[in-house]
């Protein structure tokens, strides 16, 4: 029997860069990918652009406002339960005081240290590109 194809869901991922560091957030123990680190963001809703999605998701998850600036990279990744098109967007923080709503931890991570974290599988490609472009290996 052939499994039905599921629609690809667009997901935004914020790339906040500050002095060669990037913001990562850690998922809690409940839900999908428990304990994994990721670039914060979330699923695009109907009738919103990917930039609007990112700004909304960051406000909902971290209680901070940001400005989406430009698309950095895209990655299509197939998990068991969903296929996503992860769209990494360079963004600027407007607010600075993060309040975690859905994650259990956040860190500003040196780009060269990204692979010391258990990254969500879809985020690995984005981390590799960040290291190539902004790292100093």
C-alpha atoms as a PDB file:
ATOM      1  CA  UNK A   1       0.000   0.000   0.000  1.00  0.00           C
ATOM      2  CA  UNK A   2       1.332   3.436  -0.903  1.00  0.00           C
ATOM      3  CA  UNK A   3       1.446   6.043   1.819  1.00  0.00           C
ATOM      4  CA  UNK A   4      -0.433   9.223   0.924  1.00  0.00           C
ATOM      5  CA  UNK A   5       1.807  12.185   0.268  1.00  0.00           C
ATOM      6  CA  UNK A   6       1.393  14.961   2.767  1.00  0.00           C
ATOM      7  CA  UNK A   7       1.596  18.600   1.903  1.00  0.00           C
ATOM      8  CA  UNK A   8       4.843  20.426   2.578  1.00  0.00           C
ATOM      9  CA  UNK A   9       4.383  22.888   5.433  1.00  0.00           C
ATOM     10  CA  UNK A  10       6.347  26.142   5.329  1.00  0.00           C
ATOM     11  CA  UNK A  11       8.149  26.922   8.575  1.00  0.00           C
ATOM     12  CA  UNK A  12      10.048  30.101   9.427  1.00  0.00           C
ATOM     13  CA  UNK A  13      13.317  30.106  11.373  1.00  0.00           C
ATOM     14  CA  UNK A  14      14.842  33.295  12.763  1.00  0.00           C
ATOM     15  CA  UNK A  15      18.530  33.962  12.328  1.00  0.00           C
ATOM     16  CA  UNK A  16      19.376  36.636  14.866  1.00  0.00           C
ATOM     17  CA  UNK A  17      23.064  37.493  14.534  1.00  0.00           C
ATOM     18  CA  UNK A  18      24.881  39.403  17.282  1.00  0.00           C
ATOM     19  CA  UNK A  19      28.693  39.625  17.221  1.00  0.00           C
ATOM     20  CA  UNK A  20      29.241  36.217  15.594  1.00  0.00           C
ATOM     21  CA  UNK A  21      26.599  34.631  17.821  1.00  0.00           C
ATOM     22  CA  UNK A  22      23.186  33.325  16.877  1.00  0.00           C
ATOM     23  CA  UNK A  23      20.123  32.698  19.034  1.00  0.00           C
ATOM     24  CA  UNK A  24      19.061  29.088  19.648  1.00  0.00           C
ATOM     25  CA  UNK A  25      16.067  27.883  21.637  1.00  0.00           C
ATOM     26  CA  UNK A  26      15.583  24.486  23.262  1.00  0.00           C
ATOM     27  CA  UNK A  27      12.356  22.507  22.989  1.00  0.00           C
ATOM     28  CA  UNK A  28      10.799  21.094  26.130  1.00  0.00           C
ATOM     29  CA  UNK A  29      10.288  17.413  26.952  1.00  0.00           C
ATOM     30  CA  UNK A  30       6.696  17.397  25.662  1.00  0.00           C
ATOM     31  CA  UNK A  31       5.783  17.621  21.986  1.00  0.00           C
ATOM     32  CA  UNK A  32       7.780  17.036  18.835  1.00  0.00           C
ATOM     33  CA  UNK A  33      11.589  16.785  18.968  1.00  0.00           C
ATOM     34  CA  UNK A  34      11.889  17.030  22.766  1.00  0.00           C
ATOM     35  CA  UNK A  35      15.197  18.416  23.985  1.00  0.00           C
ATOM     36  CA  UNK A  36      16.401  19.549  20.562  1.00  0.00           C
ATOM     37  CA  UNK A  37      17.826  23.012  19.920  1.00  0.00           C
ATOM     38  CA  UNK A  38      16.506  25.051  17.016  1.00  0.00           C
ATOM     39  CA  UNK A  39      16.409  28.438  15.407  1.00  0.00           C
ATOM     40  CA  UNK A  40      13.160  29.908  16.787  1.00  0.00           C
ATOM     41  CA  UNK A  41      10.161  30.315  14.511  1.00  0.00           C
ATOM     42  CA  UNK A  42       7.169  28.305  13.442  1.00  0.00           C
ATOM     43  CA  UNK A  43       4.588  27.245  10.893  1.00  0.00           C
ATOM     44  CA  UNK A  44       3.188  29.701   8.384  1.00  0.00           C
ATOM     45  CA  UNK A  45      -0.557  30.208   8.563  1.00  0.00           C
ATOM     46  CA  UNK A  46      -2.794  30.788   5.568  1.00  0.00           C
ATOM     47  CA  UNK A  47      -2.944  34.372   4.329  1.00  0.00           C
ATOM     48  CA  UNK A  48       0.370  35.459   5.831  1.00  0.00           C
ATOM     49  CA  UNK A  49       3.752  35.931   4.243  1.00  0.00           C
ATOM     50  CA  UNK A  50       6.749  34.028   5.578  1.00  0.00           C
ATOM     51  CA  UNK A  51       8.084  37.332   7.012  1.00  0.00           C
ATOM     52  CA  UNK A  52       4.780  37.969   8.817  1.00  0.00           C
ATOM     53  CA  UNK A  53       4.904  34.383  10.054  1.00  0.00           C
ATOM     54  CA  UNK A  54       8.364  34.834  11.525  1.00  0.00           C
ATOM     55  CA  UNK A  55       7.493  38.099  13.273  1.00  0.00           C
ATOM     56  CA  UNK A  56       4.277  36.591  14.700  1.00  0.00           C
ATOM     57  CA  UNK A  57       5.916  33.349  15.842  1.00  0.00           C
ATOM     58  CA  UNK A  58       8.815  35.135  17.548  1.00  0.00           C
ATOM     59  CA  UNK A  59       6.395  37.362  19.426  1.00  0.00           C
ATOM     60  CA  UNK A  60       4.237  34.374  20.441  1.00  0.00           C
ATOM     61  CA  UNK A  61       7.176  32.178  21.521  1.00  0.00           C
ATOM     62  CA  UNK A  62       9.648  34.701  22.955  1.00  0.00           C
ATOM     63  CA  UNK A  63       7.542  37.809  23.683  1.00  0.00           C
ATOM     64  CA  UNK A  64       9.854  40.006  21.615  1.00  0.00           C
ATOM     65  CA  UNK A  65       9.270  41.996  18.470  1.00  0.00           C
ATOM     66  CA  UNK A  66      11.548  41.573  15.496  1.00  0.00           C
ATOM     67  CA  UNK A  67      11.867  42.681  11.896  1.00  0.00           C
ATOM     68  CA  UNK A  68      12.348  40.036   9.202  1.00  0.00           C
ATOM     69  CA  UNK A  69      15.002  41.322   6.793  1.00  0.00           C
ATOM     70  CA  UNK A  70      15.886  38.723   4.149  1.00  0.00           C
ATOM     71  CA  UNK A  71      15.775  35.025   3.409  1.00  0.00           C
ATOM     72  CA  UNK A  72      19.098  33.375   4.229  1.00  0.00           C
ATOM     73  CA  UNK A  73      18.409  29.783   3.139  1.00  0.00           C
ATOM     74  CA  UNK A  74      15.738  27.151   2.609  1.00  0.00           C
ATOM     75  CA  UNK A  75      15.726  23.450   3.409  1.00  0.00           C
ATOM     76  CA  UNK A  76      13.105  20.802   2.673  1.00  0.00           C
ATOM     77  CA  UNK A  77      13.202  18.133   5.354  1.00  0.00           C
ATOM     78  CA  UNK A  78      11.011  15.047   5.740  1.00  0.00           C
ATOM     79  CA  UNK A  79      10.242  13.985   9.291  1.00  0.00           C
ATOM     80  CA  UNK A  80       8.138  10.866   9.943  1.00  0.00           C
ATOM     81  CA  UNK A  81       5.022  12.929  10.661  1.00  0.00           C
ATOM     82  CA  UNK A  82       5.500  15.964   8.358  1.00  0.00           C
ATOM     83  CA  UNK A  83       7.561  17.373   5.524  1.00  0.00           C
ATOM     84  CA  UNK A  84       8.622  20.969   6.047  1.00  0.00           C
ATOM     85  CA  UNK A  85      10.195  23.687   3.989  1.00  0.00           C
ATOM     86  CA  UNK A  86      12.314  25.457   6.570  1.00  0.00           C
ATOM     87  CA  UNK A  87      12.908  29.051   5.537  1.00  0.00           C
ATOM     88  CA  UNK A  88      15.709  30.673   7.526  1.00  0.00           C
ATOM     89  CA  UNK A  89      15.336  34.430   7.683  1.00  0.00           C
ATOM     90  CA  UNK A  90      17.875  36.980   8.842  1.00  0.00           C
ATOM     91  CA  UNK A  91      16.007  39.140  11.342  1.00  0.00           C
ATOM     92  CA  UNK A  92      16.705  42.055  13.649  1.00  0.00           C
ATOM     93  CA  UNK A  93      15.552  42.241  17.246  1.00  0.00           C
ATOM     94  CA  UNK A  94      13.448  45.234  18.201  1.00  0.00           C
ATOM     95  CA  UNK A  95      13.063  44.131  21.827  1.00  0.00           C
ATOM     96  CA  UNK A  96      15.759  42.398  23.836  1.00  0.00           C
ATOM     97  CA  UNK A  97      14.099  40.904  26.907  1.00  0.00           C
ATOM     98  CA  UNK A  98      13.185  37.333  25.992  1.00  0.00           C
ATOM     99  CA  UNK A  99      10.373  35.596  27.868  1.00  0.00           C
ATOM    100  CA  UNK A 100      10.114  31.890  27.008  1.00  0.00           C
ATOM    101  CA  UNK A 101       6.581  30.689  26.269  1.00  0.00           C
ATOM    102  CA  UNK A 102       7.113  27.382  24.452  1.00  0.00           C
ATOM    103  CA  UNK A 103      10.812  26.632  24.944  1.00  0.00           C
ATOM    104  CA  UNK A 104      12.680  25.733  28.113  1.00  0.00           C
ATOM    105  CA  UNK A 105      15.953  27.522  27.430  1.00  0.00           C
ATOM    106  CA  UNK A 106      17.689  29.894  25.048  1.00  0.00           C
ATOM    107  CA  UNK A 107      21.330  30.714  24.382  1.00  0.00           C
ATOM    108  CA  UNK A 108      23.370  33.039  22.238  1.00  0.00           C
ATOM    109  CA  UNK A 109      25.749  30.572  20.609  1.00  0.00           C
ATOM    110  CA  UNK A 110      28.989  31.301  18.808  1.00  0.00           C
ATOM    111  CA  UNK A 111      28.475  30.218  15.203  1.00  0.00           C
ATOM    112  CA  UNK A 112      31.586  28.029  15.443  1.00  0.00           C
ATOM    113  CA  UNK A 113      30.017  26.158  18.382  1.00  0.00           C
ATOM    114  CA  UNK A 114      26.638  25.334  16.773  1.00  0.00           C
ATOM    115  CA  UNK A 115      27.470  21.658  16.378  1.00  0.00           C
ATOM    116  CA  UNK A 116      28.064  21.299  20.095  1.00  0.00           C
ATOM    117  CA  UNK A 117      24.253  21.414  20.427  1.00  0.00           C
ATOM    118  CA  UNK A 118      21.720  18.713  19.598  1.00  0.00           C
ATOM    119  CA  UNK A 119      20.147  20.550  16.665  1.00  0.00           C
ATOM    120  CA  UNK A 120      16.762  19.690  15.195  1.00  0.00           C
ATOM    121  CA  UNK A 121      17.474  17.715  12.013  1.00  0.00           C
ATOM    122  CA  UNK A 122      15.974  20.324   9.658  1.00  0.00           C
ATOM    123  CA  UNK A 123      18.141  23.028  11.270  1.00  0.00           C
ATOM    124  CA  UNK A 124      21.449  21.222  10.656  1.00  0.00           C
ATOM    125  CA  UNK A 125      21.684  22.367   7.029  1.00  0.00           C
ATOM    126  CA  UNK A 126      21.045  25.986   8.068  1.00  0.00           C
ATOM    127  CA  UNK A 127      23.759  25.703  10.745  1.00  0.00           C
ATOM    128  CA  UNK A 128      26.206  24.353   8.145  1.00  0.00           C
ATOM    129  CA  UNK A 129      25.534  27.355   5.892  1.00  0.00           C
ATOM    130  CA  UNK A 130      25.931  29.775   8.805  1.00  0.00           C
ATOM    131  CA  UNK A 131      29.270  28.205   9.657  1.00  0.00           C
ATOM    132  CA  UNK A 132      30.453  28.494   6.041  1.00  0.00           C
ATOM    133  CA  UNK A 133      29.352  32.110   5.710  1.00  0.00           C
ATOM    134  CA  UNK A 134      30.015  33.578   9.162  1.00  0.00           C
ATOM    135  CA  UNK A 135      32.317  31.107  10.906  1.00  0.00           C
ATOM    136  CA  UNK A 136      36.057  31.477  11.201  1.00  0.00           C
ATOM    137  CA  UNK A 137      37.237  27.915  10.902  1.00  0.00           C
END
